[in-house]
Amino acid sequence: METKRTSVSIPSACCLSSFGLNGYPNARVVSLKEIIEDTFIITGPLASRKGKELLNNPKVSLVFWWTETGRQVRIQGEATQIDDELANIYFKERNKESQIVSQISKQGEPIEDLKSFLELFEEKSKKLHQREILRPEGWSGFSITPKRIEFLDFKESRLHHRELFERREETWSSTFLQP
């Protein structure tokens, strides 16, 4: 298979799907932080819809799609909350504005007064500009242990190259799938 590169601005963006608390599936785009010991790391508030869903039902999927290369990766696995030490590391890597948003926002909750919310952000930005911002309680992340990973190399003919890897205990097996 030939090597293809992408110049996409956020190649780590992927679609995370989870089981909604209301029984409906939920999907959203998240940023993969890194791969550690064969697990995929994402972060965010535990009280958000995403956090609540993953704590309730850890079965998830991740999908990466890069239009420029015609490549897709699909992952199914189980999410486990990361420890506080690792969460602190990821929080410190966020830019200052993102850290401030994490301090003042209850992600996904309605905003009663947008003007007041934006003023609060500006006020906190001025106050915390030169100070270290600590990770808020409840801001963490998840480590996703894959059970299945499928690689697809898109072909205009629709004769896609698809290879599926499945984990059974500690052993991975692979098979090619029809397009």
C-alpha atoms as a PDB file:
ATOM      1  CA  MET A   1       0.000   0.000   0.000  1.00  0.00           C
ATOM      2  CA  GLU A   2       1.411   3.393  -0.950  1.00  0.00           C
ATOM      3  CA  THR A   3       2.102   6.025   1.690  1.00  0.00           C
ATOM      4  CA  LYS A   4      -0.275   8.977   1.626  1.00  0.00           C
ATOM      5  CA  ARG A   5      -0.042  12.126   3.726  1.00  0.00           C
ATOM      6  CA  THR A   6      -2.665  14.671   4.643  1.00  0.00           C
ATOM      7  CA  SER A   7      -2.335  18.379   5.293  1.00  0.00           C
ATOM      8  CA  VAL A   8      -5.618  18.530   7.202  1.00  0.00           C
ATOM      9  CA  SER A   9      -5.361  21.037  10.082  1.00  0.00           C
ATOM     10  CA  ILE A  10      -6.575  18.615  12.782  1.00  0.00           C
ATOM     11  CA  PRO A  11      -5.721  15.071  11.654  1.00  0.00           C
ATOM     12  CA  SER A  12      -6.466  13.828  15.198  1.00  0.00           C
ATOM     13  CA  ALA A  13     -10.153  14.754  14.882  1.00  0.00           C
ATOM     14  CA  CYS A  14     -12.403  11.718  15.026  1.00  0.00           C
ATOM     15  CA  CYS A  15     -16.052  10.883  15.533  1.00  0.00           C
ATOM     16  CA  LEU A  16     -16.776   9.328  18.928  1.00  0.00           C
ATOM     17  CA  SER A  17     -20.045   7.402  19.199  1.00  0.00           C
ATOM     18  CA  SER A  18     -21.572   6.319  22.480  1.00  0.00           C
ATOM     19  CA  PHE A  19     -24.846   5.003  23.828  1.00  0.00           C
ATOM     20  CA  GLY A  20     -27.079   7.867  24.929  1.00  0.00           C
ATOM     21  CA  LEU A  21     -28.750   7.840  28.331  1.00  0.00           C
ATOM     22  CA  ASN A  22     -32.042   8.189  26.429  1.00  0.00           C
ATOM     23  CA  GLY A  23     -31.392   5.021  24.401  1.00  0.00           C
ATOM     24  CA  TYR A  24     -30.379   6.840  21.213  1.00  0.00           C
ATOM     25  CA  PRO A  25     -26.837   6.695  19.864  1.00  0.00           C
ATOM     26  CA  ASN A  26     -24.780   9.881  20.142  1.00  0.00           C
ATOM     27  CA  ALA A  27     -21.875  10.964  17.972  1.00  0.00           C
ATOM     28  CA  ARG A  28     -19.581  13.967  18.199  1.00  0.00           C
ATOM     29  CA  VAL A  29     -16.192  14.991  16.882  1.00  0.00           C
ATOM     30  CA  VAL A  30     -13.413  14.867  19.470  1.00  0.00           C
ATOM     31  CA  SER A  31      -9.648  15.228  19.370  1.00  0.00           C
ATOM     32  CA  LEU A  32      -7.532  12.149  19.977  1.00  0.00           C
ATOM     33  CA  LYS A  33      -4.831  13.187  22.438  1.00  0.00           C
ATOM     34  CA  GLU A  34      -2.496  10.253  21.925  1.00  0.00           C
ATOM     35  CA  ILE A  35      -2.159   6.497  21.885  1.00  0.00           C
ATOM     36  CA  ILE A  36      -0.740   5.031  25.102  1.00  0.00           C
ATOM     37  CA  GLU A  37      -0.031   1.322  25.469  1.00  0.00           C
ATOM     38  CA  ASP A  38      -2.396   0.469  22.602  1.00  0.00           C
ATOM     39  CA  THR A  39      -5.262   2.607  23.956  1.00  0.00           C
ATOM     40  CA  PHE A  40      -6.738   5.767  22.477  1.00  0.00           C
ATOM     41  CA  ILE A  41      -6.970   8.791  24.809  1.00  0.00           C
ATOM     42  CA  ILE A  42      -9.684  11.485  24.719  1.00  0.00           C
ATOM     43  CA  THR A  43     -10.464  14.129  27.353  1.00  0.00           C
ATOM     44  CA  GLY A  44     -13.268  16.331  28.642  1.00  0.00           C
ATOM     45  CA  PRO A  45     -15.673  16.976  31.498  1.00  0.00           C
ATOM     46  CA  LEU A  46     -17.148  13.915  33.188  1.00  0.00           C
ATOM     47  CA  ALA A  47     -20.436  15.789  33.760  1.00  0.00           C
ATOM     48  CA  SER A  48     -20.871  16.449  30.020  1.00  0.00           C
ATOM     49  CA  ARG A  49     -23.196  14.254  27.978  1.00  0.00           C
ATOM     50  CA  LYS A  50     -20.142  12.432  26.606  1.00  0.00           C
ATOM     51  CA  GLY A  51     -18.728  11.845  30.087  1.00  0.00           C
ATOM     52  CA  LYS A  52     -22.014  10.633  31.550  1.00  0.00           C
ATOM     53  CA  GLU A  53     -22.603   8.291  28.628  1.00  0.00           C
ATOM     54  CA  LEU A  54     -19.132   6.745  28.775  1.00  0.00           C
ATOM     55  CA  LEU A  55     -19.363   6.267  32.544  1.00  0.00           C
ATOM     56  CA  ASN A  56     -22.786   4.633  32.097  1.00  0.00           C
ATOM     57  CA  ASN A  57     -21.874   2.379  29.153  1.00  0.00           C
ATOM     58  CA  PRO A  58     -18.202   2.115  28.202  1.00  0.00           C
ATOM     59  CA  LYS A  59     -18.804   0.574  24.758  1.00  0.00           C
ATOM     60  CA  VAL A  60     -17.796   3.145  22.140  1.00  0.00           C
ATOM     61  CA  SER A  61     -16.594   3.591  18.604  1.00  0.00           C
ATOM     62  CA  LEU A  62     -14.143   6.038  17.046  1.00  0.00           C
ATOM     63  CA  VAL A  63     -14.063   6.844  13.325  1.00  0.00           C
ATOM     64  CA  PHE A  64     -11.273   8.741  11.591  1.00  0.00           C
ATOM     65  CA  TRP A  65     -11.777   9.913   7.986  1.00  0.00           C
ATOM     66  CA  TRP A  66      -9.205  11.784   5.949  1.00  0.00           C
ATOM     67  CA  THR A  67     -10.708  13.033   2.667  1.00  0.00           C
ATOM     68  CA  GLU A  68      -7.356  13.960   1.108  1.00  0.00           C
ATOM     69  CA  THR A  69      -6.002  10.412   1.420  1.00  0.00           C
ATOM     70  CA  GLY A  70      -9.259   8.494   1.099  1.00  0.00           C
ATOM     71  CA  ARG A  71      -8.510   6.603   4.278  1.00  0.00           C
ATOM     72  CA  GLN A  72     -10.772   5.636   7.144  1.00  0.00           C
ATOM     73  CA  VAL A  73     -10.096   3.900  10.457  1.00  0.00           C
ATOM     74  CA  ARG A  74     -12.963   2.494  12.535  1.00  0.00           C
ATOM     75  CA  ILE A  75     -12.389   1.409  16.124  1.00  0.00           C
ATOM     76  CA  GLN A  76     -14.739  -0.326  18.544  1.00  0.00           C
ATOM     77  CA  GLY A  77     -13.722  -0.683  22.164  1.00  0.00           C
ATOM     78  CA  GLU A  78     -14.312   0.056  25.798  1.00  0.00           C
ATOM     79  CA  ALA A  79     -13.644   3.329  27.605  1.00  0.00           C
ATOM     80  CA  THR A  80     -12.098   3.576  31.060  1.00  0.00           C
ATOM     81  CA  GLN A  81     -11.589   6.822  32.964  1.00  0.00           C
ATOM     82  CA  ILE A  82      -7.940   7.912  33.124  1.00  0.00           C
ATOM     83  CA  ASP A  83      -6.246   8.649  36.444  1.00  0.00           C
ATOM     84  CA  ASP A  84      -5.938  12.170  37.880  1.00  0.00           C
ATOM     85  CA  GLU A  85      -2.202  12.381  37.194  1.00  0.00           C
ATOM     86  CA  LEU A  86      -2.709  11.818  33.476  1.00  0.00           C
ATOM     87  CA  ALA A  87      -5.740  14.159  33.420  1.00  0.00           C
ATOM     88  CA  ASN A  88      -3.560  16.887  34.977  1.00  0.00           C
ATOM     89  CA  ILE A  89      -0.972  16.449  32.216  1.00  0.00           C
ATOM     90  CA  TYR A  90      -3.568  16.790  29.449  1.00  0.00           C
ATOM     91  CA  PHE A  91      -5.203  19.792  31.109  1.00  0.00           C
ATOM     92  CA  LYS A  92      -1.855  21.612  31.356  1.00  0.00           C
ATOM     93  CA  GLU A  93      -1.306  21.016  27.609  1.00  0.00           C
ATOM     94  CA  ARG A  94      -4.489  22.925  26.736  1.00  0.00           C
ATOM     95  CA  ASN A  95      -4.143  26.551  25.734  1.00  0.00           C
ATOM     96  CA  LYS A  96      -5.065  29.200  28.322  1.00  0.00           C
ATOM     97  CA  GLU A  97      -8.435  30.000  26.707  1.00  0.00           C
ATOM     98  CA  SER A  98      -9.438  26.316  26.718  1.00  0.00           C
ATOM     99  CA  GLN A  99      -8.458  26.023  30.368  1.00  0.00           C
ATOM    100  CA  ILE A 100     -10.595  29.056  31.233  1.00  0.00           C
ATOM    101  CA  VAL A 101     -13.562  27.679  29.303  1.00  0.00           C
ATOM    102  CA  SER A 102     -13.181  24.440  31.287  1.00  0.00           C
ATOM    103  CA  GLN A 103     -13.285  26.485  34.509  1.00  0.00           C
ATOM    104  CA  ILE A 104     -16.481  28.402  33.719  1.00  0.00           C
ATOM    105  CA  SER A 105     -18.454  26.072  31.465  1.00  0.00           C
ATOM    106  CA  LYS A 106     -20.845  23.239  32.225  1.00  0.00           C
ATOM    107  CA  GLN A 107     -20.413  21.698  28.786  1.00  0.00           C
ATOM    108  CA  GLY A 108     -23.666  21.123  26.946  1.00  0.00           C
ATOM    109  CA  GLU A 109     -25.872  22.952  29.463  1.00  0.00           C
ATOM    110  CA  PRO A 110     -28.049  25.856  28.228  1.00  0.00           C
ATOM    111  CA  ILE A 111     -26.685  29.414  28.465  1.00  0.00           C
ATOM    112  CA  GLU A 112     -29.276  31.670  30.058  1.00  0.00           C
ATOM    113  CA  ASP A 113     -27.540  34.910  29.048  1.00  0.00           C
ATOM    114  CA  LEU A 114     -24.853  34.726  26.361  1.00  0.00           C
ATOM    115  CA  LYS A 115     -23.634  38.268  27.013  1.00  0.00           C
ATOM    116  CA  SER A 116     -23.076  37.514  30.716  1.00  0.00           C
ATOM    117  CA  PHE A 117     -21.310  34.272  29.880  1.00  0.00           C
ATOM    118  CA  LEU A 118     -18.929  36.026  27.465  1.00  0.00           C
ATOM    119  CA  GLU A 119     -18.307  38.751  30.056  1.00  0.00           C
ATOM    120  CA  LEU A 120     -17.442  36.060  32.620  1.00  0.00           C
ATOM    121  CA  PHE A 121     -14.960  34.578  30.149  1.00  0.00           C
ATOM    122  CA  GLU A 122     -13.320  37.988  29.604  1.00  0.00           C
ATOM    123  CA  GLU A 123     -13.193  38.656  33.347  1.00  0.00           C
ATOM    124  CA  LYS A 124     -11.562  35.268  34.040  1.00  0.00           C
ATOM    125  CA  SER A 125      -9.152  35.762  31.123  1.00  0.00           C
ATOM    126  CA  LYS A 126      -7.888  39.025  32.603  1.00  0.00           C
ATOM    127  CA  LYS A 127      -7.700  37.647  36.122  1.00  0.00           C
ATOM    128  CA  LEU A 128      -5.965  34.364  35.193  1.00  0.00           C
ATOM    129  CA  HIS A 129      -3.843  35.601  32.281  1.00  0.00           C
ATOM    130  CA  GLN A 130      -0.470  35.127  33.992  1.00  0.00           C
ATOM    131  CA  ARG A 131      -1.511  32.459  36.512  1.00  0.00           C
ATOM    132  CA  GLU A 132      -1.452  28.692  36.367  1.00  0.00           C
ATOM    133  CA  ILE A 133      -4.950  27.299  36.030  1.00  0.00           C
ATOM    134  CA  LEU A 134      -5.619  24.061  37.873  1.00  0.00           C
ATOM    135  CA  ARG A 135      -7.681  21.270  36.368  1.00  0.00           C
ATOM    136  CA  PRO A 136     -11.286  21.579  37.517  1.00  0.00           C
ATOM    137  CA  GLU A 137     -12.719  18.719  39.524  1.00  0.00           C
ATOM    138  CA  GLY A 138     -14.612  16.502  37.123  1.00  0.00           C
ATOM    139  CA  TRP A 139     -12.427  17.291  34.103  1.00  0.00           C
ATOM    140  CA  SER A 140     -10.741  14.062  33.047  1.00  0.00           C
ATOM    141  CA  GLY A 141     -10.512  11.731  30.113  1.00  0.00           C
ATOM    142  CA  PHE A 142     -10.942   8.216  28.870  1.00  0.00           C
ATOM    143  CA  SER A 143      -8.648   5.508  27.628  1.00  0.00           C
ATOM    144  CA  ILE A 144     -10.307   3.451  24.900  1.00  0.00           C
ATOM    145  CA  THR A 145      -9.106  -0.134  24.634  1.00  0.00           C
ATOM    146  CA  PRO A 146      -9.810  -1.378  21.106  1.00  0.00           C
ATOM    147  CA  LYS A 147     -11.532  -4.693  20.432  1.00  0.00           C
ATOM    148  CA  ARG A 148     -11.878  -4.185  16.664  1.00  0.00           C
ATOM    149  CA  ILE A 149     -10.003  -1.918  14.260  1.00  0.00           C
ATOM    150  CA  GLU A 150     -10.864  -1.685  10.581  1.00  0.00           C
ATOM    151  CA  PHE A 151      -8.700   0.092   8.021  1.00  0.00           C
ATOM    152  CA  LEU A 152     -10.282   1.180   4.732  1.00  0.00           C
ATOM    153  CA  ASP A 153      -8.436   2.524   1.720  1.00  0.00           C
ATOM    154  CA  PHE A 154     -11.082   4.172  -0.473  1.00  0.00           C
ATOM    155  CA  LYS A 155     -11.079   3.432  -4.214  1.00  0.00           C
ATOM    156  CA  GLU A 156     -13.196   5.319  -6.774  1.00  0.00           C
ATOM    157  CA  SER A 157     -14.130   1.951  -8.276  1.00  0.00           C
ATOM    158  CA  ARG A 158     -15.624   1.081  -4.862  1.00  0.00           C
ATOM    159  CA  LEU A 159     -13.216  -1.885  -4.778  1.00  0.00           C
ATOM    160  CA  HIS A 160     -12.062  -0.614  -1.389  1.00  0.00           C
ATOM    161  CA  HIS A 161      -9.216  -2.293   0.448  1.00  0.00           C
ATOM    162  CA  ARG A 162     -10.637  -3.215   3.883  1.00  0.00           C
ATOM    163  CA  GLU A 163      -8.774  -5.050   6.608  1.00  0.00           C
ATOM    164  CA  LEU A 164     -10.284  -5.891   9.997  1.00  0.00           C
ATOM    165  CA  PHE A 165      -8.247  -6.652  13.112  1.00  0.00           C
ATOM    166  CA  GLU A 166     -10.058  -8.251  16.056  1.00  0.00           C
ATOM    167  CA  ARG A 167      -8.709  -8.806  19.552  1.00  0.00           C
ATOM    168  CA  ARG A 168      -9.571 -12.004  21.361  1.00  0.00           C
ATOM    169  CA  GLU A 169      -8.023 -11.842  24.824  1.00  0.00           C
ATOM    170  CA  GLU A 170      -4.421 -10.770  24.095  1.00  0.00           C
ATOM    171  CA  THR A 171      -4.251 -12.001  20.489  1.00  0.00           C
ATOM    172  CA  TRP A 172      -5.102 -10.011  17.380  1.00  0.00           C
ATOM    173  CA  SER A 173      -6.385 -11.719  14.229  1.00  0.00           C
ATOM    174  CA  SER A 174      -6.874 -10.073  10.844  1.00  0.00           C
ATOM    175  CA  THR A 175      -9.098 -10.684   7.888  1.00  0.00           C
ATOM    176  CA  PHE A 176      -9.858  -8.875   4.680  1.00  0.00           C
ATOM    177  CA  LEU A 177     -13.432  -7.702   4.138  1.00  0.00           C
ATOM    178  CA  GLN A 178     -15.316  -7.418   0.892  1.00  0.00           C
ATOM    179  CA  PRO A 179     -15.695  -3.801  -0.271  1.00  0.00           C
END
